[in-house]
């Protein structure tokens, strides 16, 4: 049976873990409900979700690894060089 956004196995007052990465998605312990700019909400009951921070994802707000195509090189904002 699918869980609803109000179902959460955490005890009340327990913090939800969010992992921020410099190059890549924001990882959030699930389940999560995300409110988008237009007011709509999307829900995932997965144990961890990857939220897109580059806004290139075709599945926004979920990450589809589109950020990998234009990851900056180690020295700055330019895309990584291809050999």
PDB file of N, CA and C in Angstrom:
ATOM      1  N   UNK A   1       0.853  -1.177   0.000  1.00  0.00           N
ATOM      2  CA  UNK A   1       0.000   0.000   0.000  1.00  0.00           C
ATOM      3  C   UNK A   1       0.893   1.232   0.000  1.00  0.00           C
ATOM      4  N   UNK A   2       0.701   2.192  -0.918  1.00  0.00           N
ATOM      5  CA  UNK A   2       1.539   3.379  -0.962  1.00  0.00           C
ATOM      6  C   UNK A   2       1.332   4.239   0.275  1.00  0.00           C
ATOM      7  N   UNK A   3       2.422   4.855   0.701  1.00  0.00           N
ATOM      8  CA  UNK A   3       2.323   5.727   1.866  1.00  0.00           C
ATOM      9  C   UNK A   3       1.884   7.119   1.435  1.00  0.00           C
ATOM     10  N   UNK A   4       1.320   7.836   2.372  1.00  0.00           N
ATOM     11  CA  UNK A   4       0.904   9.204   2.084  1.00  0.00           C
ATOM     12  C   UNK A   4       1.941  10.150   2.644  1.00  0.00           C
ATOM     13  N   UNK A   5       1.935  11.429   2.212  1.00  0.00           N
ATOM     14  CA  UNK A   5       2.922  12.383   2.692  1.00  0.00           C
ATOM     15  C   UNK A   5       2.940  12.517   4.209  1.00  0.00           C
ATOM     16  N   UNK A   6       1.841  12.214   4.897  1.00  0.00           N
ATOM     17  CA  UNK A   6       1.811  12.364   6.340  1.00  0.00           C
ATOM     18  C   UNK A   6       2.396  11.147   7.055  1.00  0.00           C
ATOM     19  N   UNK A   7       2.580  10.026   6.341  1.00  0.00           N
ATOM     20  CA  UNK A   7       3.169   8.831   6.947  1.00  0.00           C
ATOM     21  C   UNK A   7       4.672   9.010   7.030  1.00  0.00           C
ATOM     22  N   UNK A   8       5.220   8.902   8.252  1.00  0.00           N
ATOM     23  CA  UNK A   8       6.658   9.034   8.423  1.00  0.00           C
ATOM     24  C   UNK A   8       7.052   8.172   9.608  1.00  0.00           C
ATOM     25  N   UNK A   9       8.042   7.315   9.430  1.00  0.00           N
ATOM     26  CA  UNK A   9       8.465   6.400  10.483  1.00  0.00           C
ATOM     27  C   UNK A   9       9.295   7.087  11.559  1.00  0.00           C
ATOM     28  N   UNK A  10       9.631   8.352  11.391  1.00  0.00           N
ATOM     29  CA  UNK A  10      10.455   9.071  12.358  1.00  0.00           C
ATOM     30  C   UNK A  10       9.657   9.454  13.592  1.00  0.00           C
ATOM     31  N   UNK A  11      10.316   9.389  14.741  1.00  0.00           N
ATOM     32  CA  UNK A  11       9.661   9.911  15.946  1.00  0.00           C
ATOM     33  C   UNK A  11       9.487  11.427  15.819  1.00  0.00           C
ATOM     34  N   UNK A  12       8.453  11.985  16.417  1.00  0.00           N
ATOM     35  CA  UNK A  12       8.259  13.433  16.351  1.00  0.00           C
ATOM     36  C   UNK A  12       9.485  14.181  16.864  1.00  0.00           C
ATOM     37  N   UNK A  13       9.851  15.248  16.194  1.00  0.00           N
ATOM     38  CA  UNK A  13      10.982  16.067  16.602  1.00  0.00           C
ATOM     39  C   UNK A  13      12.328  15.583  16.084  1.00  0.00           C
ATOM     40  N   UNK A  14      12.344  14.464  15.352  1.00  0.00           N
ATOM     41  CA  UNK A  14      13.592  13.957  14.797  1.00  0.00           C
ATOM     42  C   UNK A  14      13.918  14.702  13.512  1.00  0.00           C
ATOM     43  N   UNK A  15      15.157  15.137  13.389  1.00  0.00           N
ATOM     44  CA  UNK A  15      15.575  15.900  12.212  1.00  0.00           C
ATOM     45  C   UNK A  15      15.681  14.998  10.989  1.00  0.00           C
ATOM     46  N   UNK A  16      15.377  15.562   9.839  1.00  0.00           N
ATOM     47  CA  UNK A  16      15.538  14.873   8.556  1.00  0.00           C
ATOM     48  C   UNK A  16      16.911  15.244   8.017  1.00  0.00           C
ATOM     49  N   UNK A  17      17.663  14.277   7.534  1.00  0.00           N
ATOM     50  CA  UNK A  17      19.012  14.529   7.030  1.00  0.00           C
ATOM     51  C   UNK A  17      18.958  14.992   5.576  1.00  0.00           C
ATOM     52  N   UNK A  18      19.699  16.077   5.280  1.00  0.00           N
ATOM     53  CA  UNK A  18      19.855  16.607   3.928  1.00  0.00           C
ATOM     54  C   UNK A  18      21.344  16.692   3.659  1.00  0.00           C
ATOM     55  N   UNK A  19      21.797  16.102   2.559  1.00  0.00           N
ATOM     56  CA  UNK A  19      23.223  16.121   2.213  1.00  0.00           C
ATOM     57  C   UNK A  19      23.412  17.052   1.026  1.00  0.00           C
ATOM     58  N   UNK A  20      24.204  18.110   1.228  1.00  0.00           N
ATOM     59  CA  UNK A  20      24.476  19.093   0.181  1.00  0.00           C
ATOM     60  C   UNK A  20      25.828  18.766  -0.440  1.00  0.00           C
ATOM     61  N   UNK A  21      25.857  18.708  -1.769  1.00  0.00           N
ATOM     62  CA  UNK A  21      27.080  18.414  -2.508  1.00  0.00           C
ATOM     63  C   UNK A  21      27.412  19.580  -3.426  1.00  0.00           C
ATOM     64  N   UNK A  22      28.679  19.889  -3.577  1.00  0.00           N
ATOM     65  CA  UNK A  22      29.069  21.012  -4.430  1.00  0.00           C
ATOM     66  C   UNK A  22      28.665  20.775  -5.881  1.00  0.00           C
ATOM     67  N   UNK A  23      28.916  19.590  -6.384  1.00  0.00           N
ATOM     68  CA  UNK A  23      28.596  19.273  -7.781  1.00  0.00           C
ATOM     69  C   UNK A  23      27.647  18.091  -7.801  1.00  0.00           C
ATOM     70  N   UNK A  24      26.396  18.386  -7.889  1.00  0.00           N
ATOM     71  CA  UNK A  24      25.437  17.293  -7.935  1.00  0.00           C
ATOM     72  C   UNK A  24      24.162  17.656  -7.217  1.00  0.00           C
ATOM     73  N   UNK A  25      23.305  16.668  -7.032  1.00  0.00           N
ATOM     74  CA  UNK A  25      21.998  16.915  -6.431  1.00  0.00           C
ATOM     75  C   UNK A  25      22.078  17.062  -4.915  1.00  0.00           C
ATOM     76  N   UNK A  26      20.992  17.537  -4.349  1.00  0.00           N
ATOM     77  CA  UNK A  26      20.845  17.568  -2.903  1.00  0.00           C
ATOM     78  C   UNK A  26      20.160  16.262  -2.518  1.00  0.00           C
ATOM     79  N   UNK A  27      20.777  15.500  -1.624  1.00  0.00           N
ATOM     80  CA  UNK A  27      20.228  14.216  -1.206  1.00  0.00           C
ATOM     81  C   UNK A  27      19.428  14.414   0.072  1.00  0.00           C
ATOM     82  N   UNK A  28      18.182  13.944   0.054  1.00  0.00           N
ATOM     83  CA  UNK A  28      17.276  14.135   1.183  1.00  0.00           C
ATOM     84  C   UNK A  28      16.726  12.782   1.599  1.00  0.00           C
ATOM     85  N   UNK A  29      16.764  12.494   2.907  1.00  0.00           N
ATOM     86  CA  UNK A  29      16.155  11.263   3.408  1.00  0.00           C
ATOM     87  C   UNK A  29      14.658  11.350   3.206  1.00  0.00           C
ATOM     88  N   UNK A  30      14.078  10.314   2.639  1.00  0.00           N
ATOM     89  CA  UNK A  30      12.663  10.321   2.337  1.00  0.00           C
ATOM     90  C   UNK A  30      11.838   9.679   3.419  1.00  0.00           C
ATOM     91  N   UNK A  31      10.564   9.639   3.226  1.00  0.00           N
ATOM     92  CA  UNK A  31       9.798  10.178   2.101  1.00  0.00           C
ATOM     93  C   UNK A  31       9.764  11.698   2.138  1.00  0.00           C
ATOM     94  N   UNK A  32       9.548  12.301   0.970  1.00  0.00           N
ATOM     95  CA  UNK A  32       9.517  13.759   0.882  1.00  0.00           C
ATOM     96  C   UNK A  32       8.335  14.237   0.053  1.00  0.00           C
ATOM     97  N   UNK A  33       7.884  15.414   0.381  1.00  0.00           N
ATOM     98  CA  UNK A  33       6.892  16.138  -0.400  1.00  0.00           C
ATOM     99  C   UNK A  33       7.555  17.458  -0.757  1.00  0.00           C
ATOM    100  N   UNK A  34       7.584  17.794  -2.046  1.00  0.00           N
ATOM    101  CA  UNK A  34       8.247  19.005  -2.531  1.00  0.00           C
ATOM    102  C   UNK A  34       7.197  19.933  -3.116  1.00  0.00           C
ATOM    103  N   UNK A  35       7.191  21.176  -2.644  1.00  0.00           N
ATOM    104  CA  UNK A  35       6.285  22.182  -3.205  1.00  0.00           C
ATOM    105  C   UNK A  35       7.046  22.962  -4.265  1.00  0.00           C
ATOM    106  N   UNK A  36       6.503  22.993  -5.477  1.00  0.00           N
ATOM    107  CA  UNK A  36       7.130  23.688  -6.594  1.00  0.00           C
ATOM    108  C   UNK A  36       6.722  25.163  -6.619  1.00  0.00           C
ATOM    109  N   UNK A  37       7.401  25.949  -7.449  1.00  0.00           N
ATOM    110  CA  UNK A  37       7.142  27.392  -7.529  1.00  0.00           C
ATOM    111  C   UNK A  37       5.690  27.727  -7.848  1.00  0.00           C
ATOM    112  N   UNK A  38       5.049  26.874  -8.659  1.00  0.00           N
ATOM    113  CA  UNK A  38       3.664  27.162  -9.053  1.00  0.00           C
ATOM    114  C   UNK A  38       2.646  26.694  -8.013  1.00  0.00           C
ATOM    115  N   UNK A  39       3.131  26.165  -6.877  1.00  0.00           N
ATOM    116  CA  UNK A  39       2.239  25.742  -5.811  1.00  0.00           C
ATOM    117  C   UNK A  39       1.855  24.274  -5.848  1.00  0.00           C
ATOM    118  N   UNK A  40       2.169  23.576  -6.933  1.00  0.00           N
ATOM    119  CA  UNK A  40       1.875  22.153  -6.993  1.00  0.00           C
ATOM    120  C   UNK A  40       2.869  21.396  -6.111  1.00  0.00           C
ATOM    121  N   UNK A  41       2.482  20.208  -5.697  1.00  0.00           N
ATOM    122  CA  UNK A  41       3.380  19.391  -4.898  1.00  0.00           C
ATOM    123  C   UNK A  41       3.603  18.054  -5.573  1.00  0.00           C
ATOM    124  N   UNK A  42       4.796  17.507  -5.360  1.00  0.00           N
ATOM    125  CA  UNK A  42       5.146  16.173  -5.833  1.00  0.00           C
ATOM    126  C   UNK A  42       5.635  15.386  -4.628  1.00  0.00           C
ATOM    127  N   UNK A  43       5.446  14.079  -4.666  1.00  0.00           N
ATOM    128  CA  UNK A  43       5.754  13.240  -3.522  1.00  0.00           C
ATOM    129  C   UNK A  43       6.591  12.044  -3.953  1.00  0.00           C
ATOM    130  N   UNK A  44       7.551  11.672  -3.122  1.00  0.00           N
ATOM    131  CA  UNK A  44       8.316  10.446  -3.325  1.00  0.00           C
ATOM    132  C   UNK A  44       8.371   9.699  -2.007  1.00  0.00           C
ATOM    133  N   UNK A  45       8.111   8.392  -2.051  1.00  0.00           N
ATOM    134  CA  UNK A  45       8.173   7.586  -0.838  1.00  0.00           C
ATOM    135  C   UNK A  45       9.476   6.795  -0.747  1.00  0.00           C
ATOM    136  N   UNK A  46      10.451   7.131  -1.576  1.00  0.00           N
ATOM    137  CA  UNK A  46      11.754   6.457  -1.526  1.00  0.00           C
ATOM    138  C   UNK A  46      12.485   6.790  -0.228  1.00  0.00           C
ATOM    139  N   UNK A  47      13.429   5.933   0.174  1.00  0.00           N
ATOM    140  CA  UNK A  47      14.161   6.165   1.425  1.00  0.00           C
ATOM    141  C   UNK A  47      15.128   7.332   1.309  1.00  0.00           C
ATOM    142  N   UNK A  48      15.549   7.662   0.076  1.00  0.00           N
ATOM    143  CA  UNK A  48      16.392   8.831  -0.174  1.00  0.00           C
ATOM    144  C   UNK A  48      16.085   9.325  -1.580  1.00  0.00           C
ATOM    145  N   UNK A  49      16.013  10.649  -1.735  1.00  0.00           N
ATOM    146  CA  UNK A  49      15.756  11.221  -3.052  1.00  0.00           C
ATOM    147  C   UNK A  49      16.862  12.202  -3.391  1.00  0.00           C
ATOM    148  N   UNK A  50      17.097  12.382  -4.682  1.00  0.00           N
ATOM    149  CA  UNK A  50      18.074  13.334  -5.175  1.00  0.00           C
ATOM    150  C   UNK A  50      17.307  14.485  -5.811  1.00  0.00           C
ATOM    151  N   UNK A  51      17.417  15.666  -5.198  1.00  0.00           N
ATOM    152  CA  UNK A  51      16.738  16.852  -5.717  1.00  0.00           C
ATOM    153  C   UNK A  51      17.687  17.627  -6.614  1.00  0.00           C
ATOM    154  N   UNK A  52      17.229  17.991  -7.793  1.00  0.00           N
ATOM    155  CA  UNK A  52      18.034  18.726  -8.761  1.00  0.00           C
ATOM    156  C   UNK A  52      18.312  20.137  -8.247  1.00  0.00           C
ATOM    157  N   UNK A  53      19.575  20.557  -8.304  1.00  0.00           N
ATOM    158  CA  UNK A  53      19.939  21.926  -7.927  1.00  0.00           C
ATOM    159  C   UNK A  53      20.436  22.730  -9.123  1.00  0.00           C
ATOM    160  N   UNK A  54      20.670  22.078 -10.265  1.00  0.00           N
ATOM    161  CA  UNK A  54      21.161  22.793 -11.452  1.00  0.00           C
ATOM    162  C   UNK A  54      20.023  23.226 -12.374  1.00  0.00           C
ATOM    163  N   UNK A  55      18.830  22.686 -12.165  1.00  0.00           N
ATOM    164  CA  UNK A  55      17.625  22.977 -12.943  1.00  0.00           C
ATOM    165  C   UNK A  55      17.724  22.507 -14.401  1.00  0.00           C
ATOM    166  N   UNK A  56      18.613  21.578 -14.701  1.00  0.00           N
ATOM    167  CA  UNK A  56      18.729  21.024 -16.053  1.00  0.00           C
ATOM    168  C   UNK A  56      17.934  19.732 -16.216  1.00  0.00           C
ATOM    169  N   UNK A  57      17.459  19.183 -15.122  1.00  0.00           N
ATOM    170  CA  UNK A  57      16.786  17.889 -15.146  1.00  0.00           C
ATOM    171  C   UNK A  57      15.479  17.943 -15.927  1.00  0.00           C
ATOM    172  N   UNK A  58      15.267  16.942 -16.739  1.00  0.00           N
ATOM    173  CA  UNK A  58      13.981  16.824 -17.444  1.00  0.00           C
ATOM    174  C   UNK A  58      12.903  16.284 -16.519  1.00  0.00           C
ATOM    175  N   UNK A  59      13.310  15.822 -15.328  1.00  0.00           N
ATOM    176  CA  UNK A  59      12.366  15.275 -14.340  1.00  0.00           C
ATOM    177  C   UNK A  59      12.282  16.190 -13.123  1.00  0.00           C
ATOM    178  N   UNK A  60      12.652  17.461 -13.265  1.00  0.00           N
ATOM    179  CA  UNK A  60      12.697  18.401 -12.157  1.00  0.00           C
ATOM    180  C   UNK A  60      11.418  18.312 -11.329  1.00  0.00           C
ATOM    181  N   UNK A  61      11.493  18.237 -10.007  1.00  0.00           N
ATOM    182  CA  UNK A  61      12.622  18.557  -9.156  1.00  0.00           C
ATOM    183  C   UNK A  61      13.548  17.380  -8.877  1.00  0.00           C
ATOM    184  N   UNK A  62      13.262  16.212  -9.452  1.00  0.00           N
ATOM    185  CA  UNK A  62      14.112  15.044  -9.227  1.00  0.00           C
ATOM    186  C   UNK A  62      15.322  15.108 -10.143  1.00  0.00           C
ATOM    187  N   UNK A  63      16.475  14.723  -9.645  1.00  0.00           N
ATOM    188  CA  UNK A  63      17.710  14.741 -10.430  1.00  0.00           C
ATOM    189  C   UNK A  63      17.708  13.588 -11.427  1.00  0.00           C
ATOM    190  N   UNK A  64      18.114  13.874 -12.675  1.00  0.00           N
ATOM    191  CA  UNK A  64      18.278  12.823 -13.677  1.00  0.00           C
ATOM    192  C   UNK A  64      19.727  12.758 -14.167  1.00  0.00           C
ATOM    193  N   UNK A  65      20.643  13.318 -13.418  1.00  0.00           N
ATOM    194  CA  UNK A  65      22.089  13.388 -13.664  1.00  0.00           C
ATOM    195  C   UNK A  65      22.461  14.279 -14.852  1.00  0.00           C
ATOM    196  N   UNK A  66      21.585  15.166 -15.273  1.00  0.00           N
ATOM    197  CA  UNK A  66      21.904  16.091 -16.358  1.00  0.00           C
ATOM    198  C   UNK A  66      23.079  16.990 -16.017  1.00  0.00           C
ATOM    199  N   UNK A  67      23.328  17.220 -14.732  1.00  0.00           N
ATOM    200  CA  UNK A  67      24.431  18.069 -14.312  1.00  0.00           C
ATOM    201  C   UNK A  67      25.784  17.502 -14.742  1.00  0.00           C
ATOM    202  N   UNK A  68      25.873  16.222 -14.956  1.00  0.00           N
ATOM    203  CA  UNK A  68      27.152  15.604 -15.334  1.00  0.00           C
ATOM    204  C   UNK A  68      27.658  16.075 -16.681  1.00  0.00           C
ATOM    205  N   UNK A  69      26.772  16.442 -17.586  1.00  0.00           N
ATOM    206  CA  UNK A  69      27.171  16.874 -18.922  1.00  0.00           C
ATOM    207  C   UNK A  69      27.900  18.208 -18.907  1.00  0.00           C
ATOM    208  N   UNK A  70      27.659  19.046 -17.902  1.00  0.00           N
ATOM    209  CA  UNK A  70      28.271  20.370 -17.852  1.00  0.00           C
ATOM    210  C   UNK A  70      28.926  20.655 -16.509  1.00  0.00           C
ATOM    211  N   UNK A  71      29.503  19.631 -15.892  1.00  0.00           N
ATOM    212  CA  UNK A  71      30.169  19.821 -14.610  1.00  0.00           C
ATOM    213  C   UNK A  71      31.405  20.688 -14.818  1.00  0.00           C
ATOM    214  N   UNK A  72      31.558  21.764 -14.038  1.00  0.00           N
ATOM    215  CA  UNK A  72      32.736  22.617 -14.189  1.00  0.00           C
ATOM    216  C   UNK A  72      34.017  21.855 -13.904  1.00  0.00           C
ATOM    217  N   UNK A  73      35.086  22.278 -14.558  1.00  0.00           N
ATOM    218  CA  UNK A  73      36.395  21.695 -14.303  1.00  0.00           C
ATOM    219  C   UNK A  73      36.880  22.074 -12.915  1.00  0.00           C
ATOM    220  N   UNK A  74      37.990  21.506 -12.468  1.00  0.00           N
ATOM    221  CA  UNK A  74      38.459  21.728 -11.113  1.00  0.00           C
ATOM    222  C   UNK A  74      38.855  23.166 -10.806  1.00  0.00           C
ATOM    223  N   UNK A  75      39.158  23.984 -11.818  1.00  0.00           N
ATOM    224  CA  UNK A  75      39.643  25.328 -11.542  1.00  0.00           C
ATOM    225  C   UNK A  75      38.621  26.436 -11.652  1.00  0.00           C
ATOM    226  N   UNK A  76      37.390  26.160 -12.064  1.00  0.00           N
ATOM    227  CA  UNK A  76      36.464  27.267 -12.218  1.00  0.00           C
ATOM    228  C   UNK A  76      35.139  26.870 -12.781  1.00  0.00           C
ATOM    229  N   UNK A  77      34.531  27.821 -13.487  1.00  0.00           N
ATOM    230  CA  UNK A  77      33.174  27.653 -13.974  1.00  0.00           C
ATOM    231  C   UNK A  77      33.076  27.085 -15.370  1.00  0.00           C
ATOM    232  N   UNK A  78      34.191  26.818 -16.022  1.00  0.00           N
ATOM    233  CA  UNK A  78      34.173  26.285 -17.375  1.00  0.00           C
ATOM    234  C   UNK A  78      33.891  24.800 -17.343  1.00  0.00           C
ATOM    235  N   UNK A  79      33.223  24.255 -18.367  1.00  0.00           N
ATOM    236  CA  UNK A  79      32.999  22.818 -18.415  1.00  0.00           C
ATOM    237  C   UNK A  79      34.317  22.063 -18.432  1.00  0.00           C
ATOM    238  N   UNK A  80      34.305  20.850 -17.917  1.00  0.00           N
ATOM    239  CA  UNK A  80      35.517  20.024 -17.906  1.00  0.00           C
ATOM    240  C   UNK A  80      35.962  19.737 -19.326  1.00  0.00           C
ATOM    241  N   UNK A  81      37.274  19.747 -19.540  1.00  0.00           N
ATOM    242  CA  UNK A  81      37.839  19.534 -20.881  1.00  0.00           C
ATOM    243  C   UNK A  81      37.648  18.073 -21.289  1.00  0.00           C
ATOM    244  N   UNK A  82      37.388  17.857 -22.571  1.00  0.00           N
ATOM    245  CA  UNK A  82      37.254  16.501 -23.101  1.00  0.00           C
ATOM    246  C   UNK A  82      38.514  16.168 -23.868  1.00  0.00           C
ATOM    247  N   UNK A  83      38.995  14.935 -23.705  1.00  0.00           N
ATOM    248  CA  UNK A  83      40.207  14.506 -24.425  1.00  0.00           C
ATOM    249  C   UNK A  83      39.883  13.962 -25.768  1.00  0.00           C
TER     250      UNK A  83
END
